[in-house]
Amino acid sequence: MYCLTTAHCKESVEEETFTSNPLTELNGYETNPMWALVNNTNEPQETVLTLFGKSETINLNPSEIRWFGVKDDE
């Protein structure tokens, strides 16, 4: 599990929500119920994003930020 940063986080969320590529970062915000997946490099990156147990391969452009909604039943 790499690069999970949350403003307010529960352990169960940490176990179900992560990115596989250490050059990417996943940020969660309690005040804005969204997740931001960030490419922290000047090169394209591929990562497997797992949000609440569901995985998806994501390709990010250099320095791209992609937003995802939070699970509704939290």
Protein backbone atom coordinates (compact mmCIF):
# COMPACT_ATOMS: atom_id res chain seq x y z
CA MET A 1 0.00 0.00 0.00
CA TYR A 2 1.51 3.36 -1.04
CA CYS A 3 0.91 7.04 -0.50
CA LEU A 4 -2.38 7.28 1.31
CA THR A 5 -2.86 10.69 2.87
CA THR A 6 -6.11 11.74 4.49
CA ALA A 7 -7.14 14.75 6.50
CA HIS A 8 -9.22 12.46 8.74
CA CYS A 9 -8.96 8.71 8.19
CA LYS A 10 -10.21 5.45 9.69
CA GLU A 11 -8.05 2.30 9.57
CA SER A 12 -10.70 0.42 7.57
CA VAL A 13 -10.51 3.09 4.86
CA GLU A 14 -6.71 2.76 4.74
CA GLU A 15 -7.04 -0.99 4.16
CA GLU A 16 -9.52 -0.55 1.29
CA THR A 17 -8.19 2.62 -0.36
CA PHE A 18 -4.71 2.91 -1.87
CA THR A 19 -2.62 3.30 -5.01
CA SER A 20 0.00 0.76 -6.18
CA ASN A 21 2.54 3.20 -7.64
CA PRO A 22 4.78 5.01 -5.11
CA LEU A 23 5.20 7.90 -7.59
CA THR A 24 1.49 8.66 -7.25
CA GLU A 25 -0.36 9.97 -4.21
CA LEU A 26 -3.93 9.50 -3.00
CA ASN A 27 -5.42 12.27 -0.85
CA GLY A 28 -8.79 12.16 0.90
CA TYR A 29 -10.61 15.15 2.38
CA GLU A 30 -13.37 14.96 4.99
CA THR A 31 -14.70 18.47 4.24
CA ASN A 32 -14.92 17.73 0.50
CA PRO A 33 -15.95 14.06 0.17
CA MET A 34 -13.59 13.36 -2.72
CA TRP A 35 -10.31 11.53 -3.37
CA ALA A 36 -7.52 13.18 -5.39
CA LEU A 37 -5.11 10.88 -7.25
CA VAL A 38 -1.93 12.84 -8.03
CA ASN A 39 0.97 12.07 -10.36
CA ASN A 40 3.95 13.61 -8.56
CA THR A 41 6.30 13.33 -11.56
CA ASN A 42 7.00 14.94 -14.91
CA GLU A 43 6.46 11.57 -16.63
CA PRO A 44 3.25 9.66 -17.40
CA GLN A 45 2.47 7.10 -14.68
CA GLU A 46 0.29 4.00 -14.48
CA THR A 47 -1.12 2.87 -11.14
CA VAL A 48 -3.73 0.50 -9.83
CA LEU A 49 -6.13 2.55 -7.72
CA THR A 50 -8.15 0.65 -5.14
CA LEU A 51 -11.10 2.56 -3.68
CA PHE A 52 -13.15 0.68 -1.10
CA GLY A 53 -12.05 -2.71 -2.39
CA LYS A 54 -12.62 -2.04 -6.12
CA SER A 55 -9.48 -1.81 -8.28
CA GLU A 56 -8.95 0.02 -11.56
CA THR A 57 -5.84 0.70 -13.64
CA ILE A 58 -5.38 4.45 -14.13
CA ASN A 59 -2.99 6.20 -16.52
CA LEU A 60 -2.03 9.70 -15.43
CA ASN A 61 -0.35 12.43 -17.46
CA PRO A 62 2.63 14.29 -15.94
CA SER A 63 1.52 16.27 -12.85
CA GLU A 64 -2.12 15.28 -13.42
CA ILE A 65 -4.67 15.32 -10.60
CA ARG A 66 -7.77 13.16 -11.05
CA TRP A 67 -10.75 13.38 -8.68
CA PHE A 68 -12.99 10.51 -7.51
CA GLY A 69 -16.13 10.55 -5.35
CA VAL A 70 -16.33 8.99 -1.90
CA LYS A 71 -18.44 5.92 -1.11
CA ASP A 72 -21.96 7.12 -0.20
CA ASP A 73 -22.62 4.87 2.81
CA GLU A 74 -19.74 6.21 4.95
